Amino acid sequence: MNGTRANMGGSSQTSIELQTVGPSTPINLAPSNSSKNDDPAEFLPQPSTTVSVVERWNHPKVNIFRTLSTFFAFAIMGANDAAYGALIPYVEEDYELSYVVVSMVFLSPLAGYAGAALLNNLIHIRLGQRGVAFIGPLCHVLAYLGICLHPPYPVLVLVFILAGFGNGLEDAAWNAWFGNMANSNEMLGFLHGFYGVGAVLSPLAATSLITQAGWPWYAFYYIMLGGAVIELITSLWAFWPVSGRVYRETRPRTENVKESRLKESLKSRVTWVISIFLLCYVGAEVALGGWIVTFMRRERAGQPFESGMVATGFWAGITSGRFVLGFLTPKLGEKFAVMLYILGSTICQLIFWLAPSFHISAIFVSIQGFFLGPLFPAAIVAATKILPPHLHVSAIGFAAAFGGGGAAILPFAIGALAQAKGVSILQPIILAILVVLLILWTCLPTLSKAPPGSPREATNKDRQWINIDFDLVDAGKRTIRRARSGGAADTPSNPRGPGLRARIADRRADRAERKHVQKEIRRYNFERPDPMIAVLQGVPLDTTMPPPYDNVRFLRTAQYQQLRHNGSVSQTAGS
């Protein structure tokens, strides 16, 4: 991209720009007619970039509190989802319901998840993450307050819709946020690990309070209500500065598209593959965790407390899998790792189904949870690698909310079938879902297992390259040399300018620096295909700075904004 020169009140300034070009375009080192020996010297380049810095969990510092608040929010969500399985037998007895009717507890959150899928992107654009941090926890507070009042069963079903909306909204928002962070695999593993922590503690607490302390089943939601109030306070405090305006400014579109981001994301095949994958995965996870207590009591002749502990073991396996395998997944590559995890889970499912022993079933369902744990985070990371950045919130939000619908549909379907065939129908259904998951995962494009910074990753044809006009760089150097020589210029009356020896030394320095810059560009293009580089533009000349003084400085950072498809890092400043 060529530099531009603008006269402003008798003065002028030179802008030096970066541009993204296709991967087949070579680095532009050809001479340009835009730079002359008499380029004005009033200003040097000033910092300018259109690329935001990739966030980390601890940078900026406020992200530490935001990370902790989202971890706690996911623990509440996990406790909410896992409580169904432990409470289903007692809700069934309390309201005297059949399998089909009591399964409405699973189906009711579907409406909430559907609403979250449709409104998630709108809430982000209008209210930002601040709106999510308020609306999601508020839905939890209102839902748990209603359950604590022990309402009639139809009202209970409606209340669970509200809880489902809160879950879907936060699930979508915080998955998209962590998916765009540095070390996203590990961070998503921790995020969903805390979901598992809540899922482990919830059936344990509910079963203990009901069977040991004699509490009614709905009294468990007093604890959930207290947790939701804390969630509301911490989330709103942490994300209050992130308004809708901030969200729109930090995630601009990279091309002029008139349709909404949600419509744009729904046109992508990847969005639908990830969405259906998460639908099946979440459905299998919640169905297995939700019906495992009933299955162990009816099919394995387990006692109420021991059967409740099997559900705790399953969720403990999911939690440990997310914490542990989250570090292994990026080393193996998401594509291969997920296929390996699904195969391991399938083997455990076969043993769980065919072995009639209570203890063997309890052990292998926990191991199965270990392999199932990292699937959701890996799917989110895959989506962030394939889709352009401006579609991450809308696409991942839709996929997460759509997938959350699986937590309603599949457990309800299993309950309906269990009414006619018995609860043993759970096992072949889960096995079939695992096969579908494997097929869906193979439909995704190939994902590089190499971390950012690897030359292999730059072979992706959708990556962006850097192009610099070196003649503009040389023009800036000449302005510095003229200033240091007291304003002497290369003119016919002064053909040697500052002196022949100095000119030769400057040219040698220019060649050396050009080689250095070319090396840096090759390093960024082939080793770091997603760079965040700022170029100094318009900085007033300071002749007191000791030489050598580079008028073009690359502001390097350890964090890089991912640029995909039509991403841009160029912007003209000073024109």
Protein backbone atom coordinates (compact mmCIF):
# COMPACT_ATOMS: atom_id res chain seq x y z
CA MET A 1 0.00 0.00 0.00
CA ASN A 2 1.46 3.32 -1.02
CA GLY A 3 2.00 6.20 1.34
CA THR A 4 -0.06 9.37 1.04
CA ARG A 5 1.01 12.95 1.53
CA ALA A 6 -1.40 15.64 2.70
CA ASN A 7 -0.80 19.39 3.06
CA MET A 8 -2.32 20.71 6.23
CA GLY A 9 -1.76 24.38 6.99
CA GLY A 10 1.47 24.57 5.04
CA SER A 11 2.86 21.40 6.59
CA SER A 12 2.71 17.88 5.29
CA GLN A 13 3.28 14.45 6.63
CA THR A 14 4.05 11.03 5.27
CA SER A 15 1.98 8.04 6.28
CA ILE A 16 3.37 4.55 6.24
CA GLU A 17 0.82 1.80 6.05
CA LEU A 18 0.49 -1.92 6.39
CA GLN A 19 -1.81 -3.91 4.20
CA THR A 20 -3.05 -7.48 4.10
CA VAL A 21 -2.82 -9.20 0.76
CA GLY A 22 -3.48 -12.70 -0.44
CA PRO A 23 -1.02 -15.40 0.52
CA SER A 24 0.16 -15.74 -3.07
CA THR A 25 1.20 -12.08 -3.22
CA PRO A 26 4.93 -11.56 -2.62
CA ILE A 27 6.29 -8.95 -0.27
CA ASN A 28 6.38 -5.66 -2.14
CA LEU A 29 9.96 -4.46 -2.49
CA ALA A 30 9.57 -2.68 -5.81
CA PRO A 31 10.44 1.02 -6.03
CA SER A 32 7.59 3.46 -5.73
CA ASN A 33 7.25 6.85 -7.42
CA SER A 34 5.54 8.27 -4.36
CA SER A 35 8.79 8.97 -2.49
CA LYS A 36 11.13 11.76 -3.54
CA ASN A 37 14.37 13.08 -2.20
CA ASP A 38 12.66 16.31 -1.18
CA ASP A 39 9.96 14.68 0.94
CA PRO A 40 9.06 17.05 3.81
CA ALA A 41 10.64 16.28 7.17
CA GLU A 42 8.24 17.90 9.64
CA PHE A 43 6.80 14.67 10.95
CA LEU A 44 7.64 11.05 11.38
CA PRO A 45 5.06 8.26 11.56
CA GLN A 46 2.78 7.94 14.60
CA PRO A 47 1.23 4.81 16.08
CA SER A 48 -1.77 3.54 14.16
CA THR A 49 -3.43 0.16 13.87
CA THR A 50 -6.91 -1.20 13.39
CA VAL A 51 -6.14 -4.46 15.14
CA SER A 52 -7.07 -5.10 18.76
CA VAL A 53 -4.75 -7.07 21.00
CA VAL A 54 -5.60 -10.67 21.76
CA GLU A 55 -6.74 -10.86 25.36
CA ARG A 56 -5.35 -13.16 28.02
CA TRP A 57 -6.97 -14.28 31.23
CA ASN A 58 -4.62 -11.97 33.15
CA HIS A 59 -4.15 -9.14 30.64
CA PRO A 60 -5.53 -6.57 30.99
CA LYS A 61 -5.67 -6.96 34.76
CA VAL A 62 -9.45 -6.63 34.89
CA ASN A 63 -9.64 -9.92 32.99
CA ILE A 64 -8.54 -11.73 36.14
CA PHE A 65 -11.80 -10.74 37.86
CA ARG A 66 -13.82 -11.38 34.70
CA THR A 67 -12.31 -14.83 34.35
CA LEU A 68 -13.10 -15.71 37.96
CA SER A 69 -16.67 -14.43 37.62
CA THR A 70 -17.27 -16.49 34.47
CA PHE A 71 -15.80 -19.56 36.16
CA PHE A 72 -18.29 -19.12 38.99
CA ALA A 73 -21.13 -18.55 36.50
CA PHE A 74 -20.30 -21.82 34.75
CA ALA A 75 -20.22 -23.61 38.10
CA ILE A 76 -23.79 -22.38 38.68
CA MET A 77 -24.77 -23.55 35.19
CA GLY A 78 -23.24 -26.97 35.80
CA ALA A 79 -25.02 -27.27 39.14
CA ASN A 80 -28.28 -26.33 37.43
CA ASP A 81 -27.97 -28.96 34.69
CA ALA A 82 -26.69 -31.79 36.90
CA ALA A 83 -29.35 -31.29 39.58
CA TYR A 84 -32.05 -32.60 37.23
CA GLY A 85 -30.74 -36.15 37.32
CA ALA A 86 -30.51 -36.29 41.11
CA LEU A 87 -33.93 -34.67 41.64
CA ILE A 88 -35.94 -36.46 38.93
CA PRO A 89 -36.93 -39.47 41.12
CA TYR A 90 -38.11 -37.17 43.92
CA VAL A 91 -39.96 -34.78 41.58
CA GLU A 92 -41.62 -37.84 40.04
CA GLU A 93 -42.79 -39.04 43.47
CA ASP A 94 -43.80 -35.59 44.72
CA TYR A 95 -46.04 -34.74 41.76
CA GLU A 96 -46.94 -38.41 40.97
CA LEU A 97 -45.82 -38.17 37.36
CA SER A 98 -44.98 -40.66 34.61
CA TYR A 99 -41.64 -40.76 32.78
CA VAL A 100 -43.02 -38.75 29.87
CA VAL A 101 -44.51 -35.98 32.00
CA VAL A 102 -41.53 -35.67 34.33
CA SER A 103 -39.28 -35.45 31.24
CA MET A 104 -40.84 -32.03 30.59
CA VAL A 105 -38.31 -30.78 33.15
CA PHE A 106 -35.65 -31.52 30.54
CA LEU A 107 -37.67 -30.23 27.60
CA SER A 108 -38.73 -26.88 29.08
CA PRO A 109 -35.27 -25.21 28.92
CA LEU A 110 -35.36 -25.70 25.13
CA ALA A 111 -37.51 -22.60 24.70
CA GLY A 112 -35.02 -20.65 26.80
CA TYR A 113 -32.06 -21.85 24.76
CA ALA A 114 -33.88 -21.03 21.52
CA GLY A 115 -34.55 -17.51 22.73
CA ALA A 116 -30.91 -17.13 23.75
CA ALA A 117 -29.74 -18.27 20.30
CA LEU A 118 -31.86 -15.62 18.60
CA LEU A 119 -31.18 -12.74 20.99
CA ASN A 120 -27.56 -13.36 21.92
CA ASN A 121 -26.00 -11.31 19.11
CA LEU A 122 -28.54 -8.49 19.51
CA ILE A 123 -27.82 -8.24 23.24
CA HIS A 124 -24.09 -8.08 22.53
CA ILE A 125 -24.50 -5.30 19.97
CA ARG A 126 -26.94 -3.23 22.03
CA LEU A 127 -25.76 -3.92 25.59
CA GLY A 128 -22.40 -5.64 25.20
CA GLN A 129 -21.09 -8.19 27.68
CA ARG A 130 -22.51 -5.96 30.41
CA GLY A 131 -26.00 -6.94 29.26
CA VAL A 132 -25.15 -10.64 29.31
CA ALA A 133 -23.63 -10.32 32.79
CA PHE A 134 -26.89 -8.81 34.03
CA ILE A 135 -29.63 -10.67 32.16
CA GLY A 136 -28.17 -14.19 32.48
CA PRO A 137 -27.67 -14.24 36.28
CA LEU A 138 -30.95 -12.37 36.79
CA CYS A 139 -32.79 -15.19 35.01
CA HIS A 140 -31.15 -17.66 37.39
CA VAL A 141 -32.17 -15.63 40.44
CA LEU A 142 -35.81 -15.40 39.33
CA ALA A 143 -35.98 -19.08 38.31
CA TYR A 144 -34.52 -20.42 41.55
CA LEU A 145 -36.70 -18.11 43.61
CA GLY A 146 -39.76 -19.55 41.87
CA ILE A 147 -38.65 -23.15 42.48
CA CYS A 148 -38.06 -22.45 46.18
CA LEU A 149 -41.77 -21.61 46.48
CA HIS A 150 -42.66 -25.22 45.46
CA PRO A 151 -45.05 -24.20 42.67
CA PRO A 152 -47.48 -26.49 40.80
CA TYR A 153 -45.82 -28.62 38.17
CA PRO A 154 -46.95 -26.55 35.13
CA VAL A 155 -45.47 -23.43 36.74
CA LEU A 156 -42.29 -25.37 37.50
CA VAL A 157 -41.93 -26.16 33.81
CA LEU A 158 -42.28 -22.47 32.91
CA VAL A 159 -39.70 -21.49 35.52
CA PHE A 160 -37.18 -23.89 34.00
CA ILE A 161 -37.62 -22.04 30.68
CA LEU A 162 -36.29 -18.91 32.38
CA ALA A 163 -33.31 -20.83 33.77
CA GLY A 164 -32.65 -22.21 30.28
CA PHE A 165 -32.58 -18.71 28.79
CA GLY A 166 -30.02 -17.58 31.37
CA ASN A 167 -27.89 -20.67 30.74
CA GLY A 168 -28.04 -20.28 26.97
CA LEU A 169 -27.14 -16.60 27.06
CA GLU A 170 -24.14 -17.02 29.34
CA ASP A 171 -23.04 -20.24 27.67
CA ALA A 172 -22.86 -18.51 24.29
CA ALA A 173 -21.23 -15.30 25.49
CA TRP A 174 -18.48 -16.70 27.68
CA ASN A 175 -17.61 -19.49 25.24
CA ALA A 176 -17.11 -16.90 22.50
CA TRP A 177 -15.05 -14.69 24.82
CA PHE A 178 -12.70 -17.47 25.91
CA GLY A 179 -12.55 -18.86 22.38
CA ASN A 180 -10.87 -15.63 21.24
CA MET A 181 -8.33 -15.60 24.07
CA ALA A 182 -4.73 -16.67 23.91
CA ASN A 183 -4.36 -20.36 24.87
CA SER A 184 -8.05 -20.85 24.15
CA ASN A 185 -7.94 -24.65 24.46
CA GLU A 186 -6.58 -24.51 27.97
CA MET A 187 -8.84 -21.64 29.05
CA LEU A 188 -11.97 -23.28 27.66
CA GLY A 189 -10.90 -26.46 29.41
CA PHE A 190 -10.80 -24.59 32.71
CA LEU A 191 -14.09 -22.82 31.97
CA HIS A 192 -15.93 -26.06 31.31
CA GLY A 193 -13.99 -27.68 34.10
CA PHE A 194 -15.73 -25.33 36.52
CA TYR A 195 -19.02 -26.29 34.86
CA GLY A 196 -18.06 -29.81 35.83
CA VAL A 197 -17.21 -28.72 39.38
CA GLY A 198 -20.74 -27.41 39.78
CA ALA A 199 -22.09 -30.56 38.16
CA VAL A 200 -20.14 -32.72 40.63
CA LEU A 201 -21.19 -30.82 43.74
CA SER A 202 -24.84 -30.40 42.74
CA PRO A 203 -26.04 -34.05 42.77
CA LEU A 204 -23.79 -34.74 45.75
CA ALA A 205 -25.35 -31.93 47.77
CA ALA A 206 -28.90 -32.64 46.57
CA THR A 207 -28.68 -36.37 47.27
CA SER A 208 -27.12 -35.85 50.70
CA LEU A 209 -29.62 -33.20 51.77
CA ILE A 210 -32.62 -35.27 50.63
CA THR A 211 -31.55 -38.74 51.78
CA GLN A 212 -29.48 -37.86 54.86
CA ALA A 213 -30.92 -34.57 56.15
CA GLY A 214 -34.53 -35.15 55.08
CA TRP A 215 -34.89 -31.90 53.10
CA PRO A 216 -37.67 -31.66 50.49
CA TRP A 217 -36.28 -31.69 46.96
CA TYR A 218 -37.08 -28.03 46.27
CA ALA A 219 -35.17 -26.85 49.36
CA PHE A 220 -31.95 -27.57 47.46
CA TYR A 221 -32.69 -24.48 45.37
CA TYR A 222 -32.18 -22.24 48.40
CA ILE A 223 -28.49 -22.96 47.89
CA MET A 224 -28.81 -22.33 44.16
CA LEU A 225 -30.57 -19.02 44.84
CA GLY A 226 -27.71 -17.83 47.05
CA GLY A 227 -25.18 -18.80 44.39
CA ALA A 228 -27.16 -17.00 41.68
CA VAL A 229 -27.22 -13.78 43.72
CA ILE A 230 -23.42 -13.93 44.08
CA GLU A 231 -23.17 -14.65 40.35
CA LEU A 232 -25.26 -11.58 39.52
CA ILE A 233 -23.16 -9.26 41.70
CA THR A 234 -19.75 -10.51 40.57
CA SER A 235 -20.58 -10.75 36.85
CA LEU A 236 -22.17 -7.32 36.67
CA TRP A 237 -19.28 -5.71 38.55
CA ALA A 238 -16.63 -7.39 36.38
CA PHE A 239 -18.23 -6.68 32.98
CA TRP A 240 -19.86 -3.31 33.65
CA PRO A 241 -17.35 -1.34 31.49
CA VAL A 242 -17.97 -3.58 28.43
CA SER A 243 -20.97 -1.84 26.93
CA GLY A 244 -22.49 -2.32 23.49
CA ARG A 245 -20.43 0.54 22.09
CA VAL A 246 -17.21 -1.07 23.30
CA TYR A 247 -18.22 -4.40 21.77
CA ARG A 248 -19.01 -2.81 18.38
CA GLU A 249 -15.73 -0.90 18.31
CA THR A 250 -13.54 -3.87 19.20
CA ARG A 251 -15.22 -6.27 16.76
CA PRO A 252 -15.91 -4.34 13.57
CA ARG A 253 -16.90 -6.08 10.39
CA THR A 254 -14.12 -6.66 7.94
CA GLU A 255 -16.29 -6.10 4.89
CA ASN A 256 -19.38 -4.16 3.98
CA VAL A 257 -22.20 -6.64 4.53
CA LYS A 258 -25.75 -5.37 4.93
CA GLU A 259 -27.20 -8.49 6.51
CA SER A 260 -26.97 -9.20 10.23
CA ARG A 261 -24.03 -11.10 11.64
CA LEU A 262 -26.33 -13.91 12.73
CA LYS A 263 -27.67 -14.38 9.19
CA GLU A 264 -24.14 -14.24 7.85
CA SER A 265 -22.95 -16.89 10.29
CA LEU A 266 -25.93 -19.14 9.53
CA LYS A 267 -24.86 -19.27 5.89
CA SER A 268 -21.65 -20.99 6.93
CA ARG A 269 -21.64 -24.79 6.80
CA VAL A 270 -19.20 -24.84 9.71
CA THR A 271 -21.72 -23.10 11.96
CA TRP A 272 -24.29 -25.81 11.36
CA VAL A 273 -21.84 -28.70 11.72
CA ILE A 274 -20.60 -27.32 15.04
CA SER A 275 -24.18 -26.60 16.16
CA ILE A 276 -25.43 -30.12 15.43
CA PHE A 277 -22.28 -31.59 16.98
CA LEU A 278 -22.90 -29.64 20.20
CA LEU A 279 -26.60 -30.55 20.10
CA CYS A 280 -25.73 -34.24 20.11
CA TYR A 281 -22.89 -33.87 22.59
CA VAL A 282 -24.77 -31.83 25.18
CA GLY A 283 -27.79 -34.06 24.73
CA ALA A 284 -25.73 -37.19 25.41
CA GLU A 285 -23.98 -35.55 28.36
CA VAL A 286 -27.13 -34.33 30.09
CA ALA A 287 -29.16 -37.43 29.20
CA LEU A 288 -26.52 -39.71 30.65
CA GLY A 289 -26.06 -37.55 33.73
CA GLY A 290 -29.80 -37.01 34.09
CA TRP A 291 -31.01 -40.59 33.79
CA ILE A 292 -28.03 -42.39 35.30
CA VAL A 293 -29.47 -42.32 38.82
CA THR A 294 -32.77 -43.82 37.70
CA PHE A 295 -30.93 -46.36 35.52
CA MET A 296 -28.67 -47.51 38.37
CA ARG A 297 -31.62 -47.83 40.76
CA ARG A 298 -33.89 -49.71 38.34
CA GLU A 299 -31.44 -51.73 36.19
CA ARG A 300 -28.49 -52.24 38.56
CA ALA A 301 -30.49 -52.52 41.81
CA GLY A 302 -28.57 -49.69 43.46
CA GLN A 303 -29.54 -47.89 46.65
CA PRO A 304 -30.67 -44.23 46.40
CA PHE A 305 -27.50 -42.74 47.90
CA GLU A 306 -25.09 -45.00 46.00
CA SER A 307 -26.93 -44.36 42.73
CA GLY A 308 -26.68 -40.63 43.33
CA MET A 309 -22.93 -41.00 43.83
CA VAL A 310 -22.66 -42.62 40.38
CA ALA A 311 -23.95 -39.38 38.86
CA THR A 312 -21.35 -37.52 40.92
CA GLY A 313 -18.65 -39.84 39.56
CA PHE A 314 -19.78 -39.22 35.98
CA TRP A 315 -19.59 -35.45 36.38
CA ALA A 316 -16.28 -35.77 38.21
CA GLY A 317 -14.94 -37.62 35.16
CA ILE A 318 -16.13 -34.83 32.87
CA THR A 319 -14.52 -32.22 35.11
CA SER A 320 -11.16 -33.97 35.32
CA GLY A 321 -11.19 -34.60 31.56
CA ARG A 322 -11.64 -30.92 30.85
CA PHE A 323 -8.87 -29.89 33.20
CA VAL A 324 -6.38 -32.58 32.13
CA LEU A 325 -7.11 -33.23 28.45
CA GLY A 326 -7.44 -29.51 27.74
CA PHE A 327 -3.64 -29.36 27.77
CA LEU A 328 -3.24 -32.49 25.63
CA THR A 329 -5.73 -31.50 22.92
CA PRO A 330 -3.67 -28.70 21.28
CA LYS A 331 -0.62 -30.96 21.19
CA LEU A 332 -2.48 -33.73 19.37
CA GLY A 333 -4.55 -31.34 17.27
CA GLU A 334 -8.28 -30.83 17.78
CA LYS A 335 -9.30 -33.00 14.82
CA PHE A 336 -7.35 -36.10 15.87
CA ALA A 337 -7.79 -35.62 19.62
CA VAL A 338 -11.59 -35.42 19.48
CA MET A 339 -11.79 -38.54 17.32
CA LEU A 340 -9.61 -40.33 19.87
CA TYR A 341 -11.78 -39.15 22.76
CA ILE A 342 -14.99 -40.26 21.04
CA LEU A 343 -13.56 -43.72 20.39
CA GLY A 344 -12.50 -44.02 24.04
CA SER A 345 -15.94 -42.93 25.18
CA THR A 346 -17.58 -45.46 22.86
CA ILE A 347 -15.55 -48.32 24.33
CA CYS A 348 -16.52 -47.27 27.86
CA GLN A 349 -20.16 -47.03 26.82
CA LEU A 350 -20.11 -50.60 25.49
CA ILE A 351 -18.64 -51.92 28.75
CA PHE A 352 -21.12 -49.86 30.79
CA TRP A 353 -24.00 -51.30 28.76
CA LEU A 354 -22.93 -54.95 28.62
CA ALA A 355 -21.49 -55.41 32.13
CA PRO A 356 -24.36 -56.08 34.58
CA SER A 357 -22.31 -55.25 37.69
CA PHE A 358 -23.20 -52.08 39.60
CA HIS A 359 -19.56 -51.32 40.44
CA ILE A 360 -18.21 -51.94 36.92
CA SER A 361 -20.92 -49.71 35.49
CA ALA A 362 -20.08 -46.99 38.02
CA ILE A 363 -16.36 -47.12 37.17
CA PHE A 364 -16.70 -47.06 33.40
CA VAL A 365 -19.34 -44.35 33.32
CA SER A 366 -16.84 -42.16 35.20
CA ILE A 367 -14.11 -42.98 32.66
CA GLN A 368 -16.58 -42.25 29.89
CA GLY A 369 -17.16 -38.83 31.43
CA PHE A 370 -13.38 -38.26 31.39
CA PHE A 371 -13.28 -38.77 27.61
CA LEU A 372 -16.46 -36.77 26.98
CA GLY A 373 -15.23 -33.77 28.97
CA PRO A 374 -13.01 -31.95 26.43
CA LEU A 375 -15.34 -32.32 23.41
CA PHE A 376 -17.26 -29.09 23.97
CA PRO A 377 -14.17 -26.86 24.44
CA ALA A 378 -12.48 -28.45 21.42
CA ALA A 379 -15.52 -27.73 19.24
CA ILE A 380 -15.49 -24.06 20.29
CA VAL A 381 -11.77 -23.77 19.50
CA ALA A 382 -12.37 -25.36 16.09
CA ALA A 383 -15.05 -22.78 15.35
CA THR A 384 -12.74 -19.88 16.25
CA LYS A 385 -10.02 -21.29 14.01
CA ILE A 386 -12.28 -21.68 10.98
CA LEU A 387 -14.68 -18.73 11.18
CA PRO A 388 -13.70 -15.04 10.77
CA PRO A 389 -13.42 -13.04 14.02
CA HIS A 390 -16.48 -10.83 13.51
CA LEU A 391 -18.69 -13.95 13.36
CA HIS A 392 -17.34 -15.58 16.52
CA VAL A 393 -19.96 -14.27 18.93
CA SER A 394 -22.94 -14.83 16.63
CA ALA A 395 -21.80 -18.24 15.33
CA ILE A 396 -20.49 -19.62 18.61
CA GLY A 397 -23.42 -18.10 20.44
CA PHE A 398 -25.88 -19.79 18.10
CA ALA A 399 -23.98 -23.09 18.24
CA ALA A 400 -23.78 -23.07 22.05
CA ALA A 401 -27.45 -22.16 22.44
CA PHE A 402 -28.49 -24.62 19.73
CA GLY A 403 -26.38 -27.26 21.41
CA GLY A 404 -27.96 -26.42 24.74
CA GLY A 405 -31.24 -27.45 23.18
CA GLY A 406 -29.82 -30.96 23.13
CA ALA A 407 -29.96 -30.88 26.92
CA ALA A 408 -33.73 -30.62 26.54
CA ILE A 409 -34.57 -32.72 23.49
CA LEU A 410 -32.58 -35.90 24.03
CA PRO A 411 -33.31 -36.41 27.76
CA PHE A 412 -37.01 -35.85 27.02
CA ALA A 413 -36.90 -38.32 24.14
CA ILE A 414 -35.21 -40.90 26.35
CA GLY A 415 -37.86 -40.36 29.01
CA ALA A 416 -40.62 -40.87 26.46
CA LEU A 417 -39.02 -44.07 25.19
CA ALA A 418 -38.34 -45.26 28.73
CA GLN A 419 -42.06 -45.04 29.41
CA ALA A 420 -42.65 -47.72 26.77
CA LYS A 421 -39.40 -49.72 26.70
CA GLY A 422 -37.91 -49.15 30.13
CA VAL A 423 -34.98 -47.02 31.22
CA SER A 424 -32.53 -49.56 29.74
CA ILE A 425 -33.18 -47.84 26.39
CA LEU A 426 -30.67 -45.21 27.59
CA GLN A 427 -27.63 -47.29 26.60
CA PRO A 428 -28.19 -47.93 22.85
CA ILE A 429 -29.31 -44.32 22.36
CA ILE A 430 -26.11 -42.94 23.90
CA LEU A 431 -24.06 -45.35 21.78
CA ALA A 432 -25.81 -44.18 18.60
CA ILE A 433 -25.21 -40.53 19.52
CA LEU A 434 -21.48 -41.20 19.92
CA VAL A 435 -21.36 -42.65 16.41
CA VAL A 436 -23.14 -39.56 15.06
CA LEU A 437 -20.63 -37.33 16.87
CA LEU A 438 -17.74 -39.10 15.17
CA ILE A 439 -19.34 -38.70 11.73
CA LEU A 440 -20.07 -35.00 12.29
CA TRP A 441 -16.54 -34.30 13.44
CA THR A 442 -15.08 -35.77 10.26
CA CYS A 443 -17.18 -33.27 8.27
CA LEU A 444 -15.13 -30.33 9.57
CA PRO A 445 -12.19 -28.99 7.53
CA THR A 446 -8.70 -30.08 8.48
CA LEU A 447 -7.42 -28.21 11.53
CA SER A 448 -3.75 -27.53 12.07
CA LYS A 449 -2.44 -28.94 15.32
CA ALA A 450 0.52 -26.58 15.22
CA PRO A 451 0.25 -23.72 17.70
CA PRO A 452 0.45 -20.08 16.58
CA GLY A 453 4.00 -19.37 15.55
CA SER A 454 4.54 -22.54 13.57
CA PRO A 455 5.49 -22.38 9.87
CA ARG A 456 2.97 -25.15 9.15
CA GLU A 457 0.08 -22.98 10.22
CA ALA A 458 0.91 -20.37 7.59
CA THR A 459 0.12 -22.81 4.79
CA ASN A 460 -3.57 -22.05 5.33
CA LYS A 461 -4.66 -20.24 2.19
CA ASP A 462 -6.95 -17.96 4.17
CA ARG A 463 -4.12 -16.48 6.22
CA GLN A 464 -3.09 -12.86 5.77
CA TRP A 465 0.30 -11.55 4.72
CA ILE A 466 2.10 -8.27 5.37
CA ASN A 467 3.29 -5.92 2.64
CA ILE A 468 5.46 -2.84 3.27
CA ASP A 469 6.46 -0.11 0.80
CA PHE A 470 10.17 0.23 1.54
CA ASP A 471 10.53 3.42 -0.50
CA LEU A 472 8.38 5.18 2.05
CA VAL A 473 10.62 3.80 4.76
CA ASP A 474 13.66 5.16 2.91
CA ALA A 475 11.96 8.53 2.53
CA GLY A 476 11.56 8.71 6.27
CA LYS A 477 15.22 7.84 6.74
CA ARG A 478 16.25 10.69 4.46
CA THR A 479 14.28 13.17 6.52
CA ILE A 480 16.18 12.05 9.61
CA ARG A 481 19.55 12.35 7.90
CA ARG A 482 18.75 15.84 6.64
CA ALA A 483 17.67 16.93 10.10
CA ARG A 484 20.84 15.58 11.69
CA SER A 485 23.01 17.29 9.08
CA GLY A 486 21.47 20.65 9.88
CA GLY A 487 18.94 20.60 7.08
CA ALA A 488 21.38 19.93 4.22
CA ALA A 489 19.64 18.23 1.31
CA ASP A 490 20.79 16.33 -1.77
CA THR A 491 20.59 19.19 -4.28
CA PRO A 492 22.73 20.17 -7.35
CA SER A 493 24.45 22.84 -5.24
CA ASN A 494 25.20 20.29 -2.56
CA PRO A 495 25.57 17.03 -4.53
CA ARG A 496 27.14 15.10 -1.71
CA GLY A 497 24.70 16.27 0.96
CA PRO A 498 26.15 15.37 4.34
CA GLY A 499 29.28 13.86 2.75
CA LEU A 500 30.23 10.94 0.54
CA ARG A 501 31.49 8.80 3.40
CA ALA A 502 28.33 9.43 5.39
CA ARG A 503 26.17 8.64 2.36
CA ILE A 504 27.98 5.33 1.82
CA ALA A 505 27.57 4.47 5.49
CA ASP A 506 23.88 5.37 5.34
CA ARG A 507 23.33 3.18 2.30
CA ARG A 508 25.04 0.26 4.01
CA ALA A 509 22.87 0.84 7.05
CA ASP A 510 19.80 1.00 4.79
CA ARG A 511 20.65 -2.33 3.17
CA ALA A 512 21.27 -3.94 6.53
CA GLU A 513 18.04 -2.63 7.97
CA ARG A 514 16.08 -3.61 4.88
CA LYS A 515 17.36 -7.17 5.23
CA HIS A 516 16.40 -7.08 8.88
CA VAL A 517 12.88 -5.84 8.10
CA GLN A 518 12.47 -8.43 5.35
CA LYS A 519 13.52 -11.10 7.80
CA GLU A 520 10.98 -9.81 10.30
CA ILE A 521 8.24 -9.84 7.67
CA ARG A 522 9.10 -13.40 6.65
CA ARG A 523 9.05 -14.41 10.28
CA TYR A 524 5.60 -12.89 10.78
CA ASN A 525 4.22 -14.17 7.48
CA PHE A 526 5.42 -17.75 7.93
CA GLU A 527 5.70 -18.16 11.68
CA ARG A 528 3.07 -15.76 12.97
CA PRO A 529 0.36 -15.52 10.33
CA ASP A 530 -1.89 -13.52 12.66
CA PRO A 531 0.23 -10.47 13.53
CA MET A 532 -0.58 -7.29 15.36
CA ILE A 533 1.93 -4.73 14.11
CA ALA A 534 1.72 -0.98 14.61
CA VAL A 535 3.80 1.51 12.63
CA LEU A 536 4.84 4.88 14.00
CA GLN A 537 3.24 7.67 12.01
CA GLY A 538 3.52 11.42 12.38
CA VAL A 539 5.77 11.54 15.45
CA PRO A 540 7.66 14.91 15.57
CA LEU A 541 11.33 14.51 14.74
CA ASP A 542 13.61 14.32 17.75
CA THR A 543 17.19 14.93 16.59
CA THR A 544 18.49 14.44 20.10
CA MET A 545 17.85 10.71 19.96
CA PRO A 546 21.10 8.74 19.65
CA PRO A 547 21.69 6.97 16.32
CA PRO A 548 20.86 4.60 14.88
CA TYR A 549 17.29 5.88 14.93
CA ASP A 550 14.66 3.86 13.04
CA ASN A 551 11.82 6.03 11.86
CA VAL A 552 9.73 2.89 11.39
CA ARG A 553 9.39 0.92 14.59
CA PHE A 554 7.50 -2.32 14.92
CA LEU A 555 5.59 -2.41 18.18
CA ARG A 556 5.79 -6.11 18.94
CA THR A 557 3.66 -7.83 21.52
CA ALA A 558 3.32 -11.42 22.70
CA GLN A 559 -0.35 -11.30 21.81
CA TYR A 560 -1.67 -11.36 18.27
CA GLN A 561 -5.11 -10.67 16.87
CA GLN A 562 -6.22 -13.47 14.62
CA LEU A 563 -6.93 -12.20 11.11
CA ARG A 564 -8.93 -14.56 8.95
CA HIS A 565 -10.45 -14.36 5.54
CA ASN A 566 -11.07 -10.64 5.00
CA GLY A 567 -9.32 -9.29 8.13
CA SER A 568 -7.36 -6.06 7.78
CA VAL A 569 -4.49 -4.36 9.60
CA SER A 570 -4.24 -1.29 7.43
CA GLN A 571 -5.44 2.21 8.09
CA THR A 572 -4.21 5.51 6.70
CA ALA A 573 -3.42 8.07 9.36
CA GLY A 574 -2.29 11.61 8.79
CA SER A 575 -3.99 12.06 5.42
